[in-house]
Each structure stands twice: as structure tokens, then as C-alpha cells.
C-alpha atoms as a PDB file:
ATOM      1  CA  UNK A   1      83.671 107.767 110.778  1.00  0.00           C
ATOM      2  CA  UNK A   2      81.100 107.557 113.562  1.00  0.00           C
ATOM      3  CA  UNK A   3      80.995 110.426 116.080  1.00  0.00           C
ATOM      4  CA  UNK A   4      78.906 110.391 119.252  1.00  0.00           C
ATOM      5  CA  UNK A   5      78.695 113.437 121.506  1.00  0.00           C
ATOM      6  CA  UNK A   6      77.290 113.556 125.040  1.00  0.00           C
ATOM      7  CA  UNK A   7      76.125 117.058 125.893  1.00  0.00           C
ATOM      8  CA  UNK A   8      73.616 118.933 128.026  1.00  0.00           C
ATOM      9  CA  UNK A   9      73.206 121.428 125.190  1.00  0.00           C
ATOM     10  CA  UNK A  10      72.790 119.487 121.919  1.00  0.00           C
ATOM     11  CA  UNK A  11      71.450 122.568 120.139  1.00  0.00           C
ATOM     12  CA  UNK A  12      74.908 124.119 120.324  1.00  0.00           C
ATOM     13  CA  UNK A  13      76.023 121.659 117.623  1.00  0.00           C
ATOM     14  CA  UNK A  14      73.236 122.402 115.145  1.00  0.00           C
ATOM     15  CA  UNK A  15      75.202 124.912 113.079  1.00  0.00           C
ATOM     16  CA  UNK A  16      78.449 122.966 113.278  1.00  0.00           C
ATOM     17  CA  UNK A  17      76.824 119.819 111.898  1.00  0.00           C
ATOM     18  CA  UNK A  18      75.051 121.472 108.973  1.00  0.00           C
ATOM     19  CA  UNK A  19      77.555 124.033 107.717  1.00  0.00           C
ATOM     20  CA  UNK A  20      81.000 124.081 106.130  1.00  0.00           C
ATOM     21  CA  UNK A  21      83.274 121.045 105.899  1.00  0.00           C
ATOM     22  CA  UNK A  22      81.568 118.948 108.577  1.00  0.00           C
ATOM     23  CA  UNK A  23      78.139 119.436 107.008  1.00  0.00           C
ATOM     24  CA  UNK A  24      79.496 118.439 103.595  1.00  0.00           C
ATOM     25  CA  UNK A  25      81.174 115.351 105.064  1.00  0.00           C
ATOM     26  CA  UNK A  26      77.847 114.284 106.550  1.00  0.00           C
ATOM     27  CA  UNK A  27      76.093 114.886 103.216  1.00  0.00           C
ATOM     28  CA  UNK A  28      78.687 112.690 101.474  1.00  0.00           C
ATOM     29  CA  UNK A  29      78.117 109.908 104.057  1.00  0.00           C
ATOM     30  CA  UNK A  30      81.751 110.184 105.099  1.00  0.00           C
ATOM     31  CA  UNK A  31      80.687 111.066 108.623  1.00  0.00           C
ATOM     32  CA  UNK A  32      77.834 110.124 110.929  1.00  0.00           C
ATOM     33  CA  UNK A  33      77.330 112.338 113.984  1.00  0.00           C
ATOM     34  CA  UNK A  34      74.813 111.832 116.770  1.00  0.00           C
ATOM     35  CA  UNK A  35      74.440 114.147 119.776  1.00  0.00           C
ATOM     36  CA  UNK A  36      72.938 112.678 122.947  1.00  0.00           C
ATOM     37  CA  UNK A  37      71.505 114.791 125.748  1.00  0.00           C
ATOM     38  CA  UNK A  38      72.653 112.818 128.763  1.00  0.00           C
ATOM     39  CA  UNK A  39      70.073 114.601 130.922  1.00  0.00           C
ATOM     40  CA  UNK A  40      67.610 112.178 129.298  1.00  0.00           C
ATOM     41  CA  UNK A  41      69.318 109.371 131.197  1.00  0.00           C
ATOM     42  CA  UNK A  42      69.142 110.775 134.706  1.00  0.00           C
ATOM     43  CA  UNK A  43      67.118 108.812 137.231  1.00  0.00           C
ATOM     44  CA  UNK A  44      66.708 111.916 139.363  1.00  0.00           C
ATOM     45  CA  UNK A  45      63.058 113.036 139.610  1.00  0.00           C
ATOM     46  CA  UNK A  46      64.111 116.668 139.159  1.00  0.00           C
ATOM     47  CA  UNK A  47      66.248 115.687 136.139  1.00  0.00           C
ATOM     48  CA  UNK A  48      69.372 116.983 137.836  1.00  0.00           C
ATOM     49  CA  UNK A  49      72.666 115.674 136.508  1.00  0.00           C
ATOM     50  CA  UNK A  50      74.868 117.391 139.093  1.00  0.00           C
ATOM     51  CA  UNK A  51      75.306 117.342 142.859  1.00  0.00           C
ATOM     52  CA  UNK A  52      77.485 118.772 145.618  1.00  0.00           C
ATOM     53  CA  UNK A  53      80.972 117.285 146.040  1.00  0.00           C
ATOM     54  CA  UNK A  54      81.672 114.998 148.984  1.00  0.00           C
ATOM     55  CA  UNK A  55      83.873 116.769 151.499  1.00  0.00           C
ATOM     56  CA  UNK A  56      82.501 120.163 150.567  1.00  0.00           C
ATOM     57  CA  UNK A  57      83.832 122.743 148.168  1.00  0.00           C
ATOM     58  CA  UNK A  58      82.639 125.286 145.635  1.00  0.00           C
ATOM     59  CA  UNK A  59      80.481 124.385 142.653  1.00  0.00           C
ATOM     60  CA  UNK A  60      78.676 121.266 141.537  1.00  0.00           C
ATOM     61  CA  UNK A  61      79.923 118.052 139.960  1.00  0.00           C
ATOM     62  CA  UNK A  62      78.451 116.028 137.121  1.00  0.00           C
ATOM     63  CA  UNK A  63      77.149 112.735 138.453  1.00  0.00           C
ATOM     64  CA  UNK A  64      78.446 109.454 137.097  1.00  0.00           C
ATOM     65  CA  UNK A  65      75.030 107.794 136.669  1.00  0.00           C
ATOM     66  CA  UNK A  66      73.600 109.802 133.709  1.00  0.00           C
ATOM     67  CA  UNK A  67      76.839 109.641 131.770  1.00  0.00           C
ATOM     68  CA  UNK A  68      77.393 105.943 132.482  1.00  0.00           C
ATOM     69  CA  UNK A  69      73.861 105.116 131.367  1.00  0.00           C
ATOM     70  CA  UNK A  70      74.138 107.272 128.238  1.00  0.00           C
ATOM     71  CA  UNK A  71      77.406 105.546 127.320  1.00  0.00           C
ATOM     72  CA  UNK A  72      75.830 102.147 127.919  1.00  0.00           C
ATOM     73  CA  UNK A  73      72.943 103.016 125.594  1.00  0.00           C
ATOM     74  CA  UNK A  74      75.274 104.205 122.827  1.00  0.00           C
ATOM     75  CA  UNK A  75      77.473 101.136 123.226  1.00  0.00           C
ATOM     76  CA  UNK A  76      74.485  98.835 122.950  1.00  0.00           C
ATOM     77  CA  UNK A  77      73.170 100.649 119.892  1.00  0.00           C
ATOM     78  CA  UNK A  78      76.446 101.096 118.013  1.00  0.00           C
ATOM     79  CA  UNK A  79      78.248  97.976 119.145  1.00  0.00           C
ATOM     80  CA  UNK A  80      80.948 100.000 120.856  1.00  0.00           C
ATOM     81  CA  UNK A  81      82.126 103.482 121.773  1.00  0.00           C
ATOM     82  CA  UNK A  82      85.488 103.693 120.042  1.00  0.00           C
ATOM     83  CA  UNK A  83      87.814 106.107 121.766  1.00  0.00           C
ATOM     84  CA  UNK A  84      86.006 107.997 124.512  1.00  0.00           C
ATOM     85  CA  UNK A  85      87.259 111.562 124.806  1.00  0.00           C
ATOM     86  CA  UNK A  86      86.762 113.712 127.866  1.00  0.00           C
ATOM     87  CA  UNK A  87      87.216 117.449 127.284  1.00  0.00           C
ATOM     88  CA  UNK A  88      89.092 118.516 130.404  1.00  0.00           C
ATOM     89  CA  UNK A  89      91.711 121.192 131.285  1.00  0.00           C
ATOM     90  CA  UNK A  90      93.901 118.484 132.832  1.00  0.00           C
ATOM     91  CA  UNK A  91      94.027 116.492 129.596  1.00  0.00           C
ATOM     92  CA  UNK A  92      96.607 116.062 126.878  1.00  0.00           C
ATOM     93  CA  UNK A  93      97.028 119.257 124.895  1.00  0.00           C
ATOM     94  CA  UNK A  94      95.314 119.111 121.531  1.00  0.00           C
ATOM     95  CA  UNK A  95      97.657 119.479 118.561  1.00  0.00           C
ATOM     96  CA  UNK A  96      97.661 118.736 114.855  1.00  0.00           C
ATOM     97  CA  UNK A  97      99.422 115.479 115.665  1.00  0.00           C
ATOM     98  CA  UNK A  98      96.544 114.451 117.935  1.00  0.00           C
ATOM     99  CA  UNK A  99      94.025 115.392 115.218  1.00  0.00           C
ATOM    100  CA  UNK A 100      95.884 113.194 112.740  1.00  0.00           C
ATOM    101  CA  UNK A 101      95.904 110.355 115.250  1.00  0.00           C
ATOM    102  CA  UNK A 102      92.162 110.631 115.895  1.00  0.00           C
ATOM    103  CA  UNK A 103      91.383 110.825 112.175  1.00  0.00           C
ATOM    104  CA  UNK A 104      92.567 107.208 111.854  1.00  0.00           C
ATOM    105  CA  UNK A 105      89.787 105.975 114.154  1.00  0.00           C
ATOM    106  CA  UNK A 106      86.410 104.588 113.059  1.00  0.00           C
ATOM    107  CA  UNK A 107      84.476 105.786 116.110  1.00  0.00           C
ATOM    108  CA  UNK A 108      84.953 108.658 118.562  1.00  0.00           C
ATOM    109  CA  UNK A 109      82.756 109.503 121.539  1.00  0.00           C
ATOM    110  CA  UNK A 110      83.015 112.926 123.188  1.00  0.00           C
ATOM    111  CA  UNK A 111      81.869 113.769 126.711  1.00  0.00           C
ATOM    112  CA  UNK A 112      81.160 117.475 127.187  1.00  0.00           C
ATOM    113  CA  UNK A 113      81.089 118.529 130.807  1.00  0.00           C
ATOM    114  CA  UNK A 114      79.730 121.540 132.690  1.00  0.00           C
ATOM    115  CA  UNK A 115      79.733 122.944 136.197  1.00  0.00           C
ATOM    116  CA  UNK A 116      82.779 122.617 138.472  1.00  0.00           C
ATOM    117  CA  UNK A 117      83.893 119.241 137.165  1.00  0.00           C
ATOM    118  CA  UNK A 118      83.205 115.517 136.980  1.00  0.00           C
ATOM    119  CA  UNK A 119      82.673 112.736 139.452  1.00  0.00           C
ATOM    120  CA  UNK A 120      86.085 111.077 139.201  1.00  0.00           C
ATOM    121  CA  UNK A 121      84.493 107.702 138.421  1.00  0.00           C
ATOM    122  CA  UNK A 122      83.495 108.997 134.983  1.00  0.00           C
ATOM    123  CA  UNK A 123      87.149 108.798 134.000  1.00  0.00           C
ATOM    124  CA  UNK A 124      86.989 105.015 134.239  1.00  0.00           C
ATOM    125  CA  UNK A 125      84.987 105.058 130.979  1.00  0.00           C
ATOM    126  CA  UNK A 126      87.406 107.394 129.214  1.00  0.00           C
ATOM    127  CA  UNK A 127      90.303 106.481 126.913  1.00  0.00           C
ATOM    128  CA  UNK A 128      91.553 110.025 126.204  1.00  0.00           C
ATOM    129  CA  UNK A 129      91.462 113.310 128.079  1.00  0.00           C
ATOM    130  CA  UNK A 130      92.018 116.348 125.844  1.00  0.00           C
ATOM    131  CA  UNK A 131      92.556 120.027 126.601  1.00  0.00           C
ATOM    132  CA  UNK A 132      92.659 122.897 124.122  1.00  0.00           C
ATOM    133  CA  UNK A 133      95.118 124.804 126.293  1.00  0.00           C
ATOM    134  CA  UNK A 134      95.743 126.429 129.613  1.00  0.00           C
ATOM    135  CA  UNK A 135      92.366 128.099 130.024  1.00  0.00           C
ATOM    136  CA  UNK A 136      88.918 127.092 131.208  1.00  0.00           C
ATOM    137  CA  UNK A 137      85.682 127.178 129.189  1.00  0.00           C
ATOM    138  CA  UNK A 138      82.179 127.073 130.628  1.00  0.00           C
ATOM    139  CA  UNK A 139      81.581 123.702 129.007  1.00  0.00           C
ATOM    140  CA  UNK A 140      83.104 121.049 126.784  1.00  0.00           C
ATOM    141  CA  UNK A 141      80.969 121.749 123.723  1.00  0.00           C
ATOM    142  CA  UNK A 142      83.266 124.333 122.147  1.00  0.00           C
ATOM    143  CA  UNK A 143      86.255 122.093 122.782  1.00  0.00           C
ATOM    144  CA  UNK A 144      84.512 119.152 121.147  1.00  0.00           C
ATOM    145  CA  UNK A 145      83.661 121.291 118.112  1.00  0.00           C
ATOM    146  CA  UNK A 146      87.286 122.318 117.700  1.00  0.00           C
ATOM    147  CA  UNK A 147      88.570 118.735 117.974  1.00  0.00           C
ATOM    148  CA  UNK A 148      85.819 117.519 115.652  1.00  0.00           C
ATOM    149  CA  UNK A 149      86.554 120.144 112.989  1.00  0.00           C
ATOM    150  CA  UNK A 150      90.330 119.633 113.074  1.00  0.00           C
ATOM    151  CA  UNK A 151      89.915 115.847 112.883  1.00  0.00           C
ATOM    152  CA  UNK A 152      87.180 115.565 110.264  1.00  0.00           C
ATOM    153  CA  UNK A 153      88.981 117.732 107.711  1.00  0.00           C
ATOM    154  CA  UNK A 154      91.752 115.120 107.667  1.00  0.00           C
ATOM    155  CA  UNK A 155      89.433 112.279 106.626  1.00  0.00           C
ATOM    156  CA  UNK A 156      89.883 111.007 103.054  1.00  0.00           C
ATOM    157  CA  UNK A 157      87.773 112.857 100.459  1.00  0.00           C
ATOM    158  CA  UNK A 158      86.504 115.476 102.924  1.00  0.00           C
ATOM    159  CA  UNK A 159      88.556 118.358 101.553  1.00  0.00           C
ATOM    160  CA  UNK A 160      88.213 119.241  97.895  1.00  0.00           C
ATOM    161  CA  UNK A 161      91.991 119.131  97.455  1.00  0.00           C
ATOM    162  CA  UNK A 162      93.751 116.303  99.253  1.00  0.00           C
ATOM    163  CA  UNK A 163      96.997 118.318  99.302  1.00  0.00           C
ATOM    164  CA  UNK A 164      95.404 121.094 101.371  1.00  0.00           C
ATOM    165  CA  UNK A 165      95.680 119.266 104.685  1.00  0.00           C
ATOM    166  CA  UNK A 166      99.250 118.147 104.000  1.00  0.00           C
ATOM    167  CA  UNK A 167     100.346 121.768 103.558  1.00  0.00           C
ATOM    168  CA  UNK A 168      98.612 123.137 106.638  1.00  0.00           C
ATOM    169  CA  UNK A 169     100.507 124.767 109.461  1.00  0.00           C
ATOM    170  CA  UNK A 170     101.879 122.154 111.903  1.00  0.00           C
ATOM    171  CA  UNK A 171     101.325 119.219 109.513  1.00  0.00           C
ATOM    172  CA  UNK A 172     105.038 119.137 108.695  1.00  0.00           C
ATOM    173  CA  UNK A 173     106.090 120.723 111.979  1.00  0.00           C
ATOM    174  CA  UNK A 174     106.330 124.238 110.522  1.00  0.00           C
ATOM    175  CA  UNK A 175     103.977 127.175 110.138  1.00  0.00           C
ATOM    176  CA  UNK A 176     102.531 127.535 106.661  1.00  0.00           C
ATOM    177  CA  UNK A 177     104.212 129.805 104.126  1.00  0.00           C
ATOM    178  CA  UNK A 178     102.505 133.047 102.911  1.00  0.00           C
ATOM    179  CA  UNK A 179      99.962 132.616 100.121  1.00  0.00           C
ATOM    180  CA  UNK A 180      98.516 134.970  97.509  1.00  0.00           C
ATOM    181  CA  UNK A 181      95.791 135.036  94.866  1.00  0.00           C
ATOM    182  CA  UNK A 182      94.704 137.397  92.063  1.00  0.00           C
ATOM    183  CA  UNK A 183      95.325 140.215  91.334  1.00  0.00           C
ATOM    184  CA  UNK A 184      99.118 140.141  91.224  1.00  0.00           C
ATOM    185  CA  UNK A 185      99.229 143.830  92.146  1.00  0.00           C
ATOM    186  CA  UNK A 186      96.675 145.094  94.658  1.00  0.00           C
ATOM    187  CA  UNK A 187      97.018 148.730  95.719  1.00  0.00           C
ATOM    188  CA  UNK A 188     100.729 148.549  95.144  1.00  0.00           C
ATOM    189  CA  UNK A 189     101.108 145.353  97.164  1.00  0.00           C
ATOM    190  CA  UNK A 190     102.643 142.852  94.757  1.00  0.00           C
ATOM    191  CA  UNK A 191     102.793 139.084  94.762  1.00  0.00           C
ATOM    192  CA  UNK A 192     106.402 137.819  95.005  1.00  0.00           C
ATOM    193  CA  UNK A 193     107.685 137.395  91.451  1.00  0.00           C
ATOM    194  CA  UNK A 194     108.768 133.797  92.016  1.00  0.00           C
ATOM    195  CA  UNK A 195     105.148 132.710  92.480  1.00  0.00           C
ATOM    196  CA  UNK A 196     104.213 133.913  88.990  1.00  0.00           C
ATOM    197  CA  UNK A 197     107.378 132.591  87.345  1.00  0.00           C
ATOM    198  CA  UNK A 198     106.050 129.117  86.574  1.00  0.00           C
ATOM    199  CA  UNK A 199     109.284 127.616  87.924  1.00  0.00           C
ATOM    200  CA  UNK A 200     107.941 124.973  90.284  1.00  0.00           C
ATOM    201  CA  UNK A 201     111.330 124.135  91.785  1.00  0.00           C
ATOM    202  CA  UNK A 202     111.955 127.779  92.678  1.00  0.00           C
ATOM    203  CA  UNK A 203     108.422 128.078  94.054  1.00  0.00           C
ATOM    204  CA  UNK A 204     108.936 125.019  96.258  1.00  0.00           C
ATOM    205  CA  UNK A 205     112.243 126.455  97.533  1.00  0.00           C
ATOM    206  CA  UNK A 206     110.633 129.832  98.252  1.00  0.00           C
ATOM    207  CA  UNK A 207     107.759 128.215 100.133  1.00  0.00           C
ATOM    208  CA  UNK A 208     110.115 126.114 102.251  1.00  0.00           C
ATOM    209  CA  UNK A 209     112.244 129.148 103.065  1.00  0.00           C
ATOM    210  CA  UNK A 210     109.262 131.325 103.948  1.00  0.00           C
ATOM    211  CA  UNK A 211     107.744 128.544 106.057  1.00  0.00           C
ATOM    212  CA  UNK A 212     111.014 128.315 107.972  1.00  0.00           C
ATOM    213  CA  UNK A 213     111.211 132.108 108.270  1.00  0.00           C
ATOM    214  CA  UNK A 214     107.700 132.403 109.680  1.00  0.00           C
ATOM    215  CA  UNK A 215     108.320 129.566 112.125  1.00  0.00           C
ATOM    216  CA  UNK A 216     111.680 131.042 113.192  1.00  0.00           C
ATOM    217  CA  UNK A 217     110.110 134.448 113.860  1.00  0.00           C
ATOM    218  CA  UNK A 218     106.820 133.382 115.423  1.00  0.00           C
ATOM    219  CA  UNK A 219     107.189 129.852 116.848  1.00  0.00           C
ATOM    220  CA  UNK A 220     110.899 129.015 117.136  1.00  0.00           C
ATOM    221  CA  UNK A 221     110.033 126.326 119.688  1.00  0.00           C
ATOM    222  CA  UNK A 222     108.653 124.193 116.841  1.00  0.00           C
ATOM    223  CA  UNK A 223     112.009 123.969 115.088  1.00  0.00           C
ATOM    224  CA  UNK A 224     113.462 121.538 117.604  1.00  0.00           C
ATOM    225  CA  UNK A 225     111.158 118.821 116.272  1.00  0.00           C
ATOM    226  CA  UNK A 226     111.750 119.489 112.559  1.00  0.00           C
ATOM    227  CA  UNK A 227     114.200 117.545 110.401  1.00  0.00           C
ATOM    228  CA  UNK A 228     116.466 120.141 108.772  1.00  0.00           C
ATOM    229  CA  UNK A 229     118.845 119.761 105.844  1.00  0.00           C
ATOM    230  CA  UNK A 230     121.942 121.868 105.105  1.00  0.00           C
ATOM    231  CA  UNK A 231     119.955 124.431 103.117  1.00  0.00           C
ATOM    232  CA  UNK A 232     117.415 124.814 105.924  1.00  0.00           C
ATOM    233  CA  UNK A 233     120.188 125.451 108.431  1.00  0.00           C
ATOM    234  CA  UNK A 234     121.786 128.008 106.081  1.00  0.00           C
ATOM    235  CA  UNK A 235     118.494 129.884 105.854  1.00  0.00           C
ATOM    236  CA  UNK A 236     118.053 129.803 109.625  1.00  0.00           C
ATOM    237  CA  UNK A 237     121.522 131.313 110.083  1.00  0.00           C
ATOM    238  CA  UNK A 238     120.514 134.001 107.595  1.00  0.00           C
ATOM    239  CA  UNK A 239     117.339 134.773 109.549  1.00  0.00           C
ATOM    240  CA  UNK A 240     119.287 134.923 112.816  1.00  0.00           C
ATOM    241  CA  UNK A 241     121.818 137.341 111.323  1.00  0.00           C
ATOM    242  CA  UNK A 242     119.084 139.600 109.970  1.00  0.00           C
ATOM    243  CA  UNK A 243     117.268 139.545 113.329  1.00  0.00           C
ATOM    244  CA  UNK A 244     120.446 140.490 115.194  1.00  0.00           C
ATOM    245  CA  UNK A 245     121.042 143.395 112.799  1.00  0.00           C
ATOM    246  CA  UNK A 246     117.490 144.662 113.291  1.00  0.00           C
ATOM    247  CA  UNK A 247     117.896 144.507 117.084  1.00  0.00           C
ATOM    248  CA  UNK A 248     121.125 146.483 116.923  1.00  0.00           C
END
């Protein structure tokens, strides 16, 4: 996968691109990432990339010219831009489903903004607008890092165990079940006996039940999009009964 990032602060990505999963993906030639400082493309003598909004108002807006020219240069060099992603609070909320969708692409280009906002004409070069949630960051760099990390880990051969991504929270619509490692008894806190039983069918049933339980208790809104069988519904009724007893 090819990733291009337009940013006024390229140094913010230095650690992200050399450490952990993303760094290993780059080392394996599974990922190619290039960060472009779009200030280099301004035609302004003072190297400004922002200006006051027409009609007045607070703050400054990113100008279209530096970003357009930076995109043109990348397109000429790479033969295209792929999907062009604008990190913006008004965008589509980023979810695991969106990460899975983006992981199928060959080329992604991120535009990281700053200041009060963008000249609206920049959106004419954008294919996707993405938001991390209902809050505002000082710039798009952190958002791009989050989207990049969540997407790259889904690429083939990036994770050491291909099953890891499939079992993640949200991948099947549910929160992930509890997990444990050695020792089996730590300060009196014991691993559930079923996990040490060696009975893989019972382990799978326990994990499904606990995944449902955690989702029911913490994110019940997710259940409306999950395909449930008769056993799942029986467990959910059990959880509801136990919750009602606790409340009374």
C-alpha cells in the first residue's frame, strides 16, 4: 500500500513511521509512506499557507493553492492519488468497518489541516472526509495517525498472527472477550477454568458468551447490528435478568 500525507508538521510522524506495527510494515516493504510539507508549495513570499476568511470571522483558513499544488505534484510522481482523505470534524465517523474498507485500497492520501478550517474548494479534491468523533483537535496529524494505524494492521502479513485482527473488538460487531496469560493464578486472581481445559468447543462457547456479555453491559447499541442465533439470545436474556436483579 502507498500512503501519502500532506502536513505542515511532518516531524510529528517520525515516531509513528519507525516504531511498532507501521515501522515493521515499512521494513517488510508492505507499506510505503511519504509525508509532504505542503508549505513547500506555497507561492506566498512569506510562505504563509493560511489567510483570513472572506466575509470576516474568527481564525484563519488554509488556502487552496498550496494543497492543490502539493496534490498535483504527488499525482504526477505517483501516477495518481488513490482515495484522498480529509481529516475533518464534519466527516464520516471513523470505525473498524471504515478501516477495513480503506485497507482494501492500494493508495491513500491524507490531508492534515490546521487553523480554523479549509478553503471550501479544497474539498473538490477529496474523496472521503473522516472524523474520529465529536471533538476538535488542533490539527489533522493525530487523526491521520489513528486512521493509518487502524488500517495498516489489517493489511495481509502485517500482524504476526493473521487471526489477531479477525478477533479484535468491533471486527465481528462485538467487543472482544476477556483474555488471560500465565500464570493461571496471580495473587489469588485465577484464570477461568474453561480456558485451561483444552476443550476448544467449550472455549469458543465461553468466548462468544463473554463477548456478548461485555457488549451487552458496555455497548448495547452495537447489538442491533449483530446476527444472533438462539443461544446468543438465551444468553442475552440471562444477562438482562441478572442486571435487573442487581438493580433491585
